[in-house]
Amino acid sequence: DRGLPTEDIINGFHAQVVTMMVMLMGGIDAEKIMIEAGAKVRPMPSIA
């Protein structure tokens, strides 16, 4: 509807989610969750 590039939208969502995670649980716990999530998604290929 607005024509924003998908990558830009995802980058904005990511920044907001990371900021909220840090504010709610602190940097150490947020980092741990993100590292664990990264390990799970690292081997996944994109559809493209």
ModelCIF file with pLDDT and N, C-alpha, C, O atoms, coordinates in Angstrom:
data_MODEL
#
_entry.id   MODEL 
#
_entity.id                         1 
_entity.type                       polymer 
_entity.pdbx_number_of_molecules   1 
#
_entity_poly.entity_id                      1 
_entity_poly.type                           'polypeptide(L)' 
_entity_poly.nstd_linkage                   no 
_entity_poly.nstd_monomer                   no 
_entity_poly.pdbx_seq_one_letter_code       DRGLPTEDIINGFHAQVVTMMVMLMGGIDAEKIMIEAGAKVRPMPSIA 
_entity_poly.pdbx_seq_one_letter_code_can   DRGLPTEDIINGFHAQVVTMMVMLMGGIDAEKIMIEAGAKVRPMPSIA 
_entity_poly.pdbx_strand_id                 A 
#
loop_
_entity_poly_seq.entity_id 
_entity_poly_seq.num 
_entity_poly_seq.mon_id 
_entity_poly_seq.hetero 
1 1  ASP n 
1 2  ARG n 
1 3  GLY n 
1 4  LEU n 
1 5  PRO n 
1 6  THR n 
1 7  GLU n 
1 8  ASP n 
1 9  ILE n 
1 10 ILE n 
1 11 ASN n 
1 12 GLY n 
1 13 PHE n 
1 14 HIS n 
1 15 ALA n 
1 16 GLN n 
1 17 VAL n 
1 18 VAL n 
1 19 THR n 
1 20 MET n 
1 21 MET n 
1 22 VAL n 
1 23 MET n 
1 24 LEU n 
1 25 MET n 
1 26 GLY n 
1 27 GLY n 
1 28 ILE n 
1 29 ASP n 
1 30 ALA n 
1 31 GLU n 
1 32 LYS n 
1 33 ILE n 
1 34 MET n 
1 35 ILE n 
1 36 GLU n 
1 37 ALA n 
1 38 GLY n 
1 39 ALA n 
1 40 LYS n 
1 41 VAL n 
1 42 ARG n 
1 43 PRO n 
1 44 MET n 
1 45 PRO n 
1 46 SER n 
1 47 ILE n 
1 48 ALA n 
#
_struct_asym.id          A 
_struct_asym.entity_id   1 
#
loop_
_ma_qa_metric.id 
_ma_qa_metric.mode 
_ma_qa_metric.name 
_ma_qa_metric.software_group_id 
_ma_qa_metric.type 
1 global pLDDT . pLDDT 
2 local  pLDDT . pLDDT 
#
_ma_qa_metric_global.metric_id      1 
_ma_qa_metric_global.metric_value   95.12 
_ma_qa_metric_global.model_id       1 
_ma_qa_metric_global.ordinal_id     1 
#
loop_
_ma_qa_metric_local.label_asym_id 
_ma_qa_metric_local.label_comp_id 
_ma_qa_metric_local.label_seq_id 
_ma_qa_metric_local.metric_id 
_ma_qa_metric_local.metric_value 
_ma_qa_metric_local.model_id 
_ma_qa_metric_local.ordinal_id 
A ASP 1  2 97.00 1 1  
A ARG 2  2 97.00 1 2  
A GLY 3  2 97.00 1 3  
A LEU 4  2 97.00 1 4  
A PRO 5  2 95.00 1 5  
A THR 6  2 93.00 1 6  
A GLU 7  2 93.00 1 7  
A ASP 8  2 95.00 1 8  
A ILE 9  2 96.00 1 9  
A ILE 10 2 95.00 1 10 
A ASN 11 2 96.00 1 11 
A GLY 12 2 97.00 1 12 
A PHE 13 2 97.00 1 13 
A HIS 14 2 96.00 1 14 
A ALA 15 2 97.00 1 15 
A GLN 16 2 97.00 1 16 
A VAL 17 2 96.00 1 17 
A VAL 18 2 97.00 1 18 
A THR 19 2 98.00 1 19 
A MET 20 2 97.00 1 20 
A MET 21 2 97.00 1 21 
A VAL 22 2 98.00 1 22 
A MET 23 2 98.00 1 23 
A LEU 24 2 98.00 1 24 
A MET 25 2 97.00 1 25 
A GLY 26 2 98.00 1 26 
A GLY 27 2 97.00 1 27 
A ILE 28 2 98.00 1 28 
A ASP 29 2 98.00 1 29 
A ALA 30 2 97.00 1 30 
A GLU 31 2 97.00 1 31 
A LYS 32 2 98.00 1 32 
A ILE 33 2 97.00 1 33 
A MET 34 2 96.00 1 34 
A ILE 35 2 97.00 1 35 
A GLU 36 2 97.00 1 36 
A ALA 37 2 95.00 1 37 
A GLY 38 2 95.00 1 38 
A ALA 39 2 96.00 1 39 
A LYS 40 2 95.00 1 40 
A VAL 41 2 93.00 1 41 
A ARG 42 2 94.00 1 42 
A PRO 43 2 92.00 1 43 
A MET 44 2 91.00 1 44 
A PRO 45 2 89.00 1 45 
A SER 46 2 86.00 1 46 
A ILE 47 2 82.00 1 47 
A ALA 48 2 77.00 1 48 
#
loop_
_atom_site.group_PDB 
_atom_site.id 
_atom_site.type_symbol 
_atom_site.label_atom_id 
_atom_site.label_alt_id 
_atom_site.label_comp_id 
_atom_site.label_asym_id 
_atom_site.label_entity_id 
_atom_site.label_seq_id 
_atom_site.pdbx_PDB_ins_code 
_atom_site.Cartn_x 
_atom_site.Cartn_y 
_atom_site.Cartn_z 
_atom_site.occupancy 
_atom_site.B_iso_or_equiv 
_atom_site.pdbx_formal_charge 
_atom_site.auth_seq_id 
_atom_site.auth_comp_id 
_atom_site.auth_asym_id 
_atom_site.auth_atom_id 
_atom_site.pdbx_PDB_model_num 
ATOM 1   N N  . ASP A 1 1  ? 0.816  -1.212  0.000  1.00 97.00 ? 1  ASP A N  1 
ATOM 2   C CA . ASP A 1 1  ? 0.000  0.000   0.000  1.00 97.00 ? 1  ASP A CA 1 
ATOM 3   C C  . ASP A 1 1  ? 0.853  1.267   0.000  1.00 97.00 ? 1  ASP A C  1 
ATOM 4   O O  . ASP A 1 1  ? 0.490  2.272   -0.612 1.00 97.00 ? 1  ASP A O  1 
ATOM 5   N N  . ARG A 1 2  ? 1.990  1.209   0.692  1.00 97.00 ? 2  ARG A N  1 
ATOM 6   C CA . ARG A 1 2  ? 2.848  2.391   0.795  1.00 97.00 ? 2  ARG A CA 1 
ATOM 7   C C  . ARG A 1 2  ? 4.063  2.331   -0.117 1.00 97.00 ? 2  ARG A C  1 
ATOM 8   O O  . ARG A 1 2  ? 4.699  3.354   -0.371 1.00 97.00 ? 2  ARG A O  1 
ATOM 9   N N  . GLY A 1 3  ? 4.391  1.139   -0.612 1.00 97.00 ? 3  GLY A N  1 
ATOM 10  C CA . GLY A 1 3  ? 5.503  0.995   -1.545 1.00 97.00 ? 3  GLY A CA 1 
ATOM 11  C C  . GLY A 1 3  ? 6.883  0.962   -0.922 1.00 97.00 ? 3  GLY A C  1 
ATOM 12  O O  . GLY A 1 3  ? 7.877  1.111   -1.633 1.00 97.00 ? 3  GLY A O  1 
ATOM 13  N N  . LEU A 1 4  ? 6.976  0.769   0.404  1.00 97.00 ? 4  LEU A N  1 
ATOM 14  C CA . LEU A 1 4  ? 8.287  0.698   1.042  1.00 97.00 ? 4  LEU A CA 1 
ATOM 15  C C  . LEU A 1 4  ? 8.973  -0.608  0.668  1.00 97.00 ? 4  LEU A C  1 
ATOM 16  O O  . LEU A 1 4  ? 8.313  -1.641  0.552  1.00 97.00 ? 4  LEU A O  1 
ATOM 17  N N  . PRO A 1 5  ? 10.291 -0.578  0.478  1.00 95.00 ? 5  PRO A N  1 
ATOM 18  C CA . PRO A 1 5  ? 11.024 -1.815  0.183  1.00 95.00 ? 5  PRO A CA 1 
ATOM 19  C C  . PRO A 1 5  ? 10.975 -2.784  1.379  1.00 95.00 ? 5  PRO A C  1 
ATOM 20  O O  . PRO A 1 5  ? 11.119 -2.377  2.532  1.00 95.00 ? 5  PRO A O  1 
ATOM 21  N N  . THR A 1 6  ? 10.773 -4.048  1.079  1.00 93.00 ? 6  THR A N  1 
ATOM 22  C CA . THR A 1 6  ? 10.675 -5.074  2.127  1.00 93.00 ? 6  THR A CA 1 
ATOM 23  C C  . THR A 1 6  ? 11.873 -5.040  3.062  1.00 93.00 ? 6  THR A C  1 
ATOM 24  O O  . THR A 1 6  ? 11.709 -5.111  4.281  1.00 93.00 ? 6  THR A O  1 
ATOM 25  N N  . GLU A 1 7  ? 13.074 -4.932  2.507  1.00 93.00 ? 7  GLU A N  1 
ATOM 26  C CA . GLU A 1 7  ? 14.280 -4.942  3.348  1.00 93.00 ? 7  GLU A CA 1 
ATOM 27  C C  . GLU A 1 7  ? 14.284 -3.769  4.328  1.00 93.00 ? 7  GLU A C  1 
ATOM 28  O O  . GLU A 1 7  ? 14.690 -3.930  5.479  1.00 93.00 ? 7  GLU A O  1 
ATOM 29  N N  . ASP A 1 8  ? 13.838 -2.594  3.886  1.00 95.00 ? 8  ASP A N  1 
ATOM 30  C CA . ASP A 1 8  ? 13.787 -1.433  4.777  1.00 95.00 ? 8  ASP A CA 1 
ATOM 31  C C  . ASP A 1 8  ? 12.780 -1.642  5.904  1.00 95.00 ? 8  ASP A C  1 
ATOM 32  O O  . ASP A 1 8  ? 13.037 -1.272  7.049  1.00 95.00 ? 8  ASP A O  1 
ATOM 33  N N  . ILE A 1 9  ? 11.641 -2.233  5.578  1.00 96.00 ? 9  ILE A N  1 
ATOM 34  C CA . ILE A 1 9  ? 10.616 -2.506  6.591  1.00 96.00 ? 9  ILE A CA 1 
ATOM 35  C C  . ILE A 1 9  ? 11.165 -3.475  7.626  1.00 96.00 ? 9  ILE A C  1 
ATOM 36  O O  . ILE A 1 9  ? 11.032 -3.245  8.827  1.00 96.00 ? 9  ILE A O  1 
ATOM 37  N N  . ILE A 1 10 ? 11.772 -4.546  7.170  1.00 95.00 ? 10 ILE A N  1 
ATOM 38  C CA . ILE A 1 10 ? 12.317 -5.553  8.089  1.00 95.00 ? 10 ILE A CA 1 
ATOM 39  C C  . ILE A 1 10 ? 13.412 -4.948  8.957  1.00 95.00 ? 10 ILE A C  1 
ATOM 40  O O  . ILE A 1 10 ? 13.492 -5.245  10.149 1.00 95.00 ? 10 ILE A O  1 
ATOM 41  N N  . ASN A 1 11 ? 14.252 -4.106  8.375  1.00 96.00 ? 11 ASN A N  1 
ATOM 42  C CA . ASN A 1 11 ? 15.306 -3.447  9.168  1.00 96.00 ? 11 ASN A CA 1 
ATOM 43  C C  . ASN A 1 11 ? 14.691 -2.595  10.274 1.00 96.00 ? 11 ASN A C  1 
ATOM 44  O O  . ASN A 1 11 ? 15.178 -2.593  11.405 1.00 96.00 ? 11 ASN A O  1 
ATOM 45  N N  . GLY A 1 12 ? 13.620 -1.871  9.947  1.00 97.00 ? 12 GLY A N  1 
ATOM 46  C CA . GLY A 1 12 ? 12.947 -1.061  10.961 1.00 97.00 ? 12 GLY A CA 1 
ATOM 47  C C  . GLY A 1 12 ? 12.303 -1.911  12.041 1.00 97.00 ? 12 GLY A C  1 
ATOM 48  O O  . GLY A 1 12 ? 12.419 -1.607  13.229 1.00 97.00 ? 12 GLY A O  1 
ATOM 49  N N  . PHE A 1 13 ? 11.626 -2.975  11.634 1.00 97.00 ? 13 PHE A N  1 
ATOM 50  C CA . PHE A 1 13 ? 11.024 -3.889  12.617 1.00 97.00 ? 13 PHE A CA 1 
ATOM 51  C C  . PHE A 1 13 ? 12.096 -4.465  13.531 1.00 97.00 ? 13 PHE A C  1 
ATOM 52  O O  . PHE A 1 13 ? 11.926 -4.518  14.749 1.00 97.00 ? 13 PHE A O  1 
ATOM 53  N N  . HIS A 1 14 ? 13.205 -4.899  12.930 1.00 96.00 ? 14 HIS A N  1 
ATOM 54  C CA . HIS A 1 14 ? 14.278 -5.513  13.707 1.00 96.00 ? 14 HIS A CA 1 
ATOM 55  C C  . HIS A 1 14 ? 14.825 -4.543  14.743 1.00 96.00 ? 14 HIS A C  1 
ATOM 56  O O  . HIS A 1 14 ? 15.010 -4.903  15.906 1.00 96.00 ? 14 HIS A O  1 
ATOM 57  N N  . ALA A 1 15 ? 15.081 -3.317  14.318 1.00 97.00 ? 15 ALA A N  1 
ATOM 58  C CA . ALA A 1 15 ? 15.615 -2.319  15.253 1.00 97.00 ? 15 ALA A CA 1 
ATOM 59  C C  . ALA A 1 15 ? 14.648 -2.085  16.409 1.00 97.00 ? 15 ALA A C  1 
ATOM 60  O O  . ALA A 1 15 ? 15.068 -1.975  17.561 1.00 97.00 ? 15 ALA A O  1 
ATOM 61  N N  . GLN A 1 16 ? 13.372 -2.009  16.106 1.00 97.00 ? 16 GLN A N  1 
ATOM 62  C CA . GLN A 1 16 ? 12.378 -1.772  17.155 1.00 97.00 ? 16 GLN A CA 1 
ATOM 63  C C  . GLN A 1 16 ? 12.289 -2.962  18.108 1.00 97.00 ? 16 GLN A C  1 
ATOM 64  O O  . GLN A 1 16 ? 12.235 -2.773  19.323 1.00 97.00 ? 16 GLN A O  1 
ATOM 65  N N  . VAL A 1 17 ? 12.275 -4.176  17.580 1.00 96.00 ? 17 VAL A N  1 
ATOM 66  C CA . VAL A 1 17 ? 12.185 -5.369  18.433 1.00 96.00 ? 17 VAL A CA 1 
ATOM 67  C C  . VAL A 1 17 ? 13.416 -5.489  19.319 1.00 96.00 ? 17 VAL A C  1 
ATOM 68  O O  . VAL A 1 17 ? 13.295 -5.771  20.511 1.00 96.00 ? 17 VAL A O  1 
ATOM 69  N N  . VAL A 1 18 ? 14.597 -5.278  18.752 1.00 97.00 ? 18 VAL A N  1 
ATOM 70  C CA . VAL A 1 18 ? 15.824 -5.359  19.556 1.00 97.00 ? 18 VAL A CA 1 
ATOM 71  C C  . VAL A 1 18 ? 15.797 -4.313  20.667 1.00 97.00 ? 18 VAL A C  1 
ATOM 72  O O  . VAL A 1 18 ? 16.134 -4.616  21.812 1.00 97.00 ? 18 VAL A O  1 
ATOM 73  N N  . THR A 1 19 ? 15.402 -3.096  20.343 1.00 98.00 ? 19 THR A N  1 
ATOM 74  C CA . THR A 1 19 ? 15.327 -2.034  21.350 1.00 98.00 ? 19 THR A CA 1 
ATOM 75  C C  . THR A 1 19 ? 14.366 -2.410  22.467 1.00 98.00 ? 19 THR A C  1 
ATOM 76  O O  . THR A 1 19 ? 14.674 -2.227  23.644 1.00 98.00 ? 19 THR A O  1 
ATOM 77  N N  . MET A 1 20 ? 13.206 -2.933  22.101 1.00 97.00 ? 20 MET A N  1 
ATOM 78  C CA . MET A 1 20 ? 12.225 -3.317  23.113 1.00 97.00 ? 20 MET A CA 1 
ATOM 79  C C  . MET A 1 20 ? 12.724 -4.477  23.972 1.00 97.00 ? 20 MET A C  1 
ATOM 80  O O  . MET A 1 20 ? 12.485 -4.504  25.180 1.00 97.00 ? 20 MET A O  1 
ATOM 81  N N  . MET A 1 21 ? 13.412 -5.431  23.355 1.00 97.00 ? 21 MET A N  1 
ATOM 82  C CA . MET A 1 21 ? 13.967 -6.554  24.122 1.00 97.00 ? 21 MET A CA 1 
ATOM 83  C C  . MET A 1 21 ? 14.973 -6.048  25.150 1.00 97.00 ? 21 MET A C  1 
ATOM 84  O O  . MET A 1 21 ? 14.946 -6.465  26.308 1.00 97.00 ? 21 MET A O  1 
ATOM 85  N N  . VAL A 1 22 ? 15.858 -5.154  24.728 1.00 98.00 ? 22 VAL A N  1 
ATOM 86  C CA . VAL A 1 22 ? 16.866 -4.619  25.638 1.00 98.00 ? 22 VAL A CA 1 
ATOM 87  C C  . VAL A 1 22 ? 16.206 -3.841  26.770 1.00 98.00 ? 22 VAL A C  1 
ATOM 88  O O  . VAL A 1 22 ? 16.607 -3.963  27.928 1.00 98.00 ? 22 VAL A O  1 
ATOM 89  N N  . MET A 1 23 ? 15.197 -3.045  26.440 1.00 98.00 ? 23 MET A N  1 
ATOM 90  C CA . MET A 1 23 ? 14.515 -2.258  27.473 1.00 98.00 ? 23 MET A CA 1 
ATOM 91  C C  . MET A 1 23 ? 13.796 -3.158  28.477 1.00 98.00 ? 23 MET A C  1 
ATOM 92  O O  . MET A 1 23 ? 13.779 -2.861  29.672 1.00 98.00 ? 23 MET A O  1 
ATOM 93  N N  . LEU A 1 24 ? 13.203 -4.252  28.005 1.00 98.00 ? 24 LEU A N  1 
ATOM 94  C CA . LEU A 1 24 ? 12.420 -5.117  28.888 1.00 98.00 ? 24 LEU A CA 1 
ATOM 95  C C  . LEU A 1 24 ? 13.261 -6.093  29.697 1.00 98.00 ? 24 LEU A C  1 
ATOM 96  O O  . LEU A 1 24 ? 12.954 -6.355  30.860 1.00 98.00 ? 24 LEU A O  1 
ATOM 97  N N  . MET A 1 25 ? 14.321 -6.637  29.095 1.00 97.00 ? 25 MET A N  1 
ATOM 98  C CA . MET A 1 25 ? 15.052 -7.702  29.789 1.00 97.00 ? 25 MET A CA 1 
ATOM 99  C C  . MET A 1 25 ? 16.523 -7.399  30.010 1.00 97.00 ? 25 MET A C  1 
ATOM 100 O O  . MET A 1 25 ? 17.218 -8.161  30.681 1.00 97.00 ? 25 MET A O  1 
ATOM 101 N N  . GLY A 1 26 ? 17.003 -6.303  29.458 1.00 98.00 ? 26 GLY A N  1 
ATOM 102 C CA . GLY A 1 26 ? 18.415 -5.962  29.603 1.00 98.00 ? 26 GLY A CA 1 
ATOM 103 C C  . GLY A 1 26 ? 19.250 -6.551  28.478 1.00 98.00 ? 26 GLY A C  1 
ATOM 104 O O  . GLY A 1 26 ? 18.860 -7.521  27.829 1.00 98.00 ? 26 GLY A O  1 
ATOM 105 N N  . GLY A 1 27 ? 20.384 -5.952  28.270 1.00 97.00 ? 27 GLY A N  1 
ATOM 106 C CA . GLY A 1 27 ? 21.248 -6.336  27.160 1.00 97.00 ? 27 GLY A CA 1 
ATOM 107 C C  . GLY A 1 27 ? 21.767 -7.756  27.207 1.00 97.00 ? 27 GLY A C  1 
ATOM 108 O O  . GLY A 1 27 ? 21.833 -8.427  26.177 1.00 97.00 ? 27 GLY A O  1 
ATOM 109 N N  . ILE A 1 28 ? 22.137 -8.223  28.383 1.00 98.00 ? 28 ILE A N  1 
ATOM 110 C CA . ILE A 1 28 ? 22.720 -9.569  28.493 1.00 98.00 ? 28 ILE A CA 1 
ATOM 111 C C  . ILE A 1 28 ? 21.710 -10.639 28.087 1.00 98.00 ? 28 ILE A C  1 
ATOM 112 O O  . ILE A 1 28 ? 22.024 -11.522 27.290 1.00 98.00 ? 28 ILE A O  1 
ATOM 113 N N  . ASP A 1 29 ? 20.502 -10.559 28.634 1.00 98.00 ? 29 ASP A N  1 
ATOM 114 C CA . ASP A 1 29 ? 19.486 -11.565 28.296 1.00 98.00 ? 29 ASP A CA 1 
ATOM 115 C C  . ASP A 1 29 ? 19.026 -11.425 26.844 1.00 98.00 ? 29 ASP A C  1 
ATOM 116 O O  . ASP A 1 29 ? 18.796 -12.428 26.168 1.00 98.00 ? 29 ASP A O  1 
ATOM 117 N N  . ALA A 1 30 ? 18.890 -10.191 26.365 1.00 97.00 ? 30 ALA A N  1 
ATOM 118 C CA . ALA A 1 30 ? 18.487 -9.985  24.968 1.00 97.00 ? 30 ALA A CA 1 
ATOM 119 C C  . ALA A 1 30 ? 19.538 -10.561 24.027 1.00 97.00 ? 30 ALA A C  1 
ATOM 120 O O  . ALA A 1 30 ? 19.203 -11.203 23.031 1.00 97.00 ? 30 ALA A O  1 
ATOM 121 N N  . GLU A 1 31 ? 20.804 -10.331 24.344 1.00 97.00 ? 31 GLU A N  1 
ATOM 122 C CA . GLU A 1 31 ? 21.884 -10.874 23.511 1.00 97.00 ? 31 GLU A CA 1 
ATOM 123 C C  . GLU A 1 31 ? 21.832 -12.396 23.486 1.00 97.00 ? 31 GLU A C  1 
ATOM 124 O O  . GLU A 1 31 ? 21.977 -13.004 22.426 1.00 97.00 ? 31 GLU A O  1 
ATOM 125 N N  . LYS A 1 32 ? 21.630 -13.009 24.629 1.00 98.00 ? 32 LYS A N  1 
ATOM 126 C CA . LYS A 1 32 ? 21.571 -14.476 24.701 1.00 98.00 ? 32 LYS A CA 1 
ATOM 127 C C  . LYS A 1 32 ? 20.457 -15.014 23.805 1.00 98.00 ? 32 LYS A C  1 
ATOM 128 O O  . LYS A 1 32 ? 20.670 -15.966 23.054 1.00 98.00 ? 32 LYS A O  1 
ATOM 129 N N  . ILE A 1 33 ? 19.273 -14.411 23.883 1.00 97.00 ? 33 ILE A N  1 
ATOM 130 C CA . ILE A 1 33 ? 18.140 -14.855 23.068 1.00 97.00 ? 33 ILE A CA 1 
ATOM 131 C C  . ILE A 1 33 ? 18.446 -14.680 21.584 1.00 97.00 ? 33 ILE A C  1 
ATOM 132 O O  . ILE A 1 33 ? 18.142 -15.557 20.775 1.00 97.00 ? 33 ILE A O  1 
ATOM 133 N N  . MET A 1 34 ? 19.052 -13.538 21.227 1.00 96.00 ? 34 MET A N  1 
ATOM 134 C CA . MET A 1 34 ? 19.349 -13.282 19.813 1.00 96.00 ? 34 MET A CA 1 
ATOM 135 C C  . MET A 1 34 ? 20.427 -14.225 19.281 1.00 96.00 ? 34 MET A C  1 
ATOM 136 O O  . MET A 1 34 ? 20.353 -14.659 18.131 1.00 96.00 ? 34 MET A O  1 
ATOM 137 N N  . ILE A 1 35 ? 21.416 -14.544 20.093 1.00 97.00 ? 35 ILE A N  1 
ATOM 138 C CA . ILE A 1 35 ? 22.452 -15.492 19.658 1.00 97.00 ? 35 ILE A CA 1 
ATOM 139 C C  . ILE A 1 35 ? 21.841 -16.872 19.444 1.00 97.00 ? 35 ILE A C  1 
ATOM 140 O O  . ILE A 1 35 ? 22.154 -17.544 18.461 1.00 97.00 ? 35 ILE A O  1 
ATOM 141 N N  . GLU A 1 36 ? 20.972 -17.298 20.357 1.00 97.00 ? 36 GLU A N  1 
ATOM 142 C CA . GLU A 1 36 ? 20.306 -18.592 20.201 1.00 97.00 ? 36 GLU A CA 1 
ATOM 143 C C  . GLU A 1 36 ? 19.422 -18.606 18.953 1.00 97.00 ? 36 GLU A C  1 
ATOM 144 O O  . GLU A 1 36 ? 19.398 -19.591 18.216 1.00 97.00 ? 36 GLU A O  1 
ATOM 145 N N  . ALA A 1 37 ? 18.706 -17.520 18.724 1.00 95.00 ? 37 ALA A N  1 
ATOM 146 C CA . ALA A 1 37 ? 17.862 -17.433 17.525 1.00 95.00 ? 37 ALA A CA 1 
ATOM 147 C C  . ALA A 1 37 ? 18.721 -17.448 16.263 1.00 95.00 ? 37 ALA A C  1 
ATOM 148 O O  . ALA A 1 37 ? 18.370 -18.095 15.276 1.00 95.00 ? 37 ALA A O  1 
ATOM 149 N N  . GLY A 1 38 ? 19.842 -16.738 16.298 1.00 95.00 ? 38 GLY A N  1 
ATOM 150 C CA . GLY A 1 38 ? 20.749 -16.713 15.150 1.00 95.00 ? 38 GLY A CA 1 
ATOM 151 C C  . GLY A 1 38 ? 21.263 -18.103 14.796 1.00 95.00 ? 38 GLY A C  1 
ATOM 152 O O  . GLY A 1 38 ? 21.363 -18.453 13.620 1.00 95.00 ? 38 GLY A O  1 
ATOM 153 N N  . ALA A 1 39 ? 21.586 -18.886 15.806 1.00 96.00 ? 39 ALA A N  1 
ATOM 154 C CA . ALA A 1 39 ? 22.069 -20.245 15.556 1.00 96.00 ? 39 ALA A CA 1 
ATOM 155 C C  . ALA A 1 39 ? 20.994 -21.100 14.893 1.00 96.00 ? 39 ALA A C  1 
ATOM 156 O O  . ALA A 1 39 ? 21.306 -21.970 14.080 1.00 96.00 ? 39 ALA A O  1 
ATOM 157 N N  . LYS A 1 40 ? 19.728 -20.856 15.239 1.00 95.00 ? 40 LYS A N  1 
ATOM 158 C CA . LYS A 1 40 ? 18.637 -21.630 14.646 1.00 95.00 ? 40 LYS A CA 1 
ATOM 159 C C  . LYS A 1 40 ? 18.381 -21.241 13.194 1.00 95.00 ? 40 LYS A C  1 
ATOM 160 O O  . LYS A 1 40 ? 18.073 -22.105 12.372 1.00 95.00 ? 40 LYS A O  1 
ATOM 161 N N  . VAL A 1 41 ? 18.502 -19.962 12.866 1.00 93.00 ? 41 VAL A N  1 
ATOM 162 C CA . VAL A 1 41 ? 18.171 -19.522 11.509 1.00 93.00 ? 41 VAL A CA 1 
ATOM 163 C C  . VAL A 1 41 ? 19.355 -19.525 10.552 1.00 93.00 ? 41 VAL A C  1 
ATOM 164 O O  . VAL A 1 41 ? 19.164 -19.500 9.336  1.00 93.00 ? 41 VAL A O  1 
ATOM 165 N N  . ARG A 1 42 ? 20.562 -19.556 11.075 1.00 94.00 ? 42 ARG A N  1 
ATOM 166 C CA . ARG A 1 42 ? 21.759 -19.500 10.225 1.00 94.00 ? 42 ARG A CA 1 
ATOM 167 C C  . ARG A 1 42 ? 21.739 -20.517 9.081  1.00 94.00 ? 42 ARG A C  1 
ATOM 168 O O  . ARG A 1 42 ? 22.059 -20.147 7.952  1.00 94.00 ? 42 ARG A O  1 
ATOM 169 N N  . PRO A 1 43 ? 21.378 -21.778 9.320  1.00 92.00 ? 43 PRO A N  1 
ATOM 170 C CA . PRO A 1 43 ? 21.416 -22.747 8.217  1.00 92.00 ? 43 PRO A CA 1 
ATOM 171 C C  . PRO A 1 43 ? 20.230 -22.669 7.256  1.00 92.00 ? 43 PRO A C  1 
ATOM 172 O O  . PRO A 1 43 ? 20.209 -23.394 6.261  1.00 92.00 ? 43 PRO A O  1 
ATOM 173 N N  . MET A 1 44 ? 19.252 -21.819 7.522  1.00 91.00 ? 44 MET A N  1 
ATOM 174 C CA . MET A 1 44 ? 18.055 -21.768 6.684  1.00 91.00 ? 44 MET A CA 1 
ATOM 175 C C  . MET A 1 44 ? 18.308 -20.927 5.428  1.00 91.00 ? 44 MET A C  1 
ATOM 176 O O  . MET A 1 44 ? 18.745 -19.781 5.528  1.00 91.00 ? 44 MET A O  1 
ATOM 177 N N  . PRO A 1 45 ? 18.037 -21.486 4.258  1.00 89.00 ? 45 PRO A N  1 
ATOM 178 C CA . PRO A 1 45 ? 18.193 -20.692 3.033  1.00 89.00 ? 45 PRO A CA 1 
ATOM 179 C C  . PRO A 1 45 ? 16.973 -19.811 2.811  1.00 89.00 ? 45 PRO A C  1 
ATOM 180 O O  . PRO A 1 45 ? 15.891 -20.089 3.329  1.00 89.00 ? 45 PRO A O  1 
ATOM 181 N N  . SER A 1 46 ? 17.154 -18.761 2.049  1.00 86.00 ? 46 SER A N  1 
ATOM 182 C CA . SER A 1 46 ? 16.003 -17.944 1.671  1.00 86.00 ? 46 SER A CA 1 
ATOM 183 C C  . SER A 1 46 ? 15.255 -18.637 0.538  1.00 86.00 ? 46 SER A C  1 
ATOM 184 O O  . SER A 1 46 ? 15.803 -19.508 -0.138 1.00 86.00 ? 46 SER A O  1 
ATOM 185 N N  . ILE A 1 47 ? 14.002 -18.246 0.336  1.00 82.00 ? 47 ILE A N  1 
ATOM 186 C CA . ILE A 1 47 ? 13.248 -18.785 -0.794 1.00 82.00 ? 47 ILE A CA 1 
ATOM 187 C C  . ILE A 1 47 ? 13.945 -18.416 -2.097 1.00 82.00 ? 47 ILE A C  1 
ATOM 188 O O  . ILE A 1 47 ? 14.024 -19.225 -3.021 1.00 82.00 ? 47 ILE A O  1 
ATOM 189 N N  . ALA A 1 48 ? 14.452 -17.181 -2.164 1.00 77.00 ? 48 ALA A N  1 
ATOM 190 C CA . ALA A 1 48 ? 15.150 -16.734 -3.368 1.00 77.00 ? 48 ALA A CA 1 
ATOM 191 C C  . ALA A 1 48 ? 16.357 -17.631 -3.662 1.00 77.00 ? 48 ALA A C  1 
ATOM 192 O O  . ALA A 1 48 ? 17.069 -17.406 -4.641 1.00 77.00 ? 48 ALA A O  1 
#
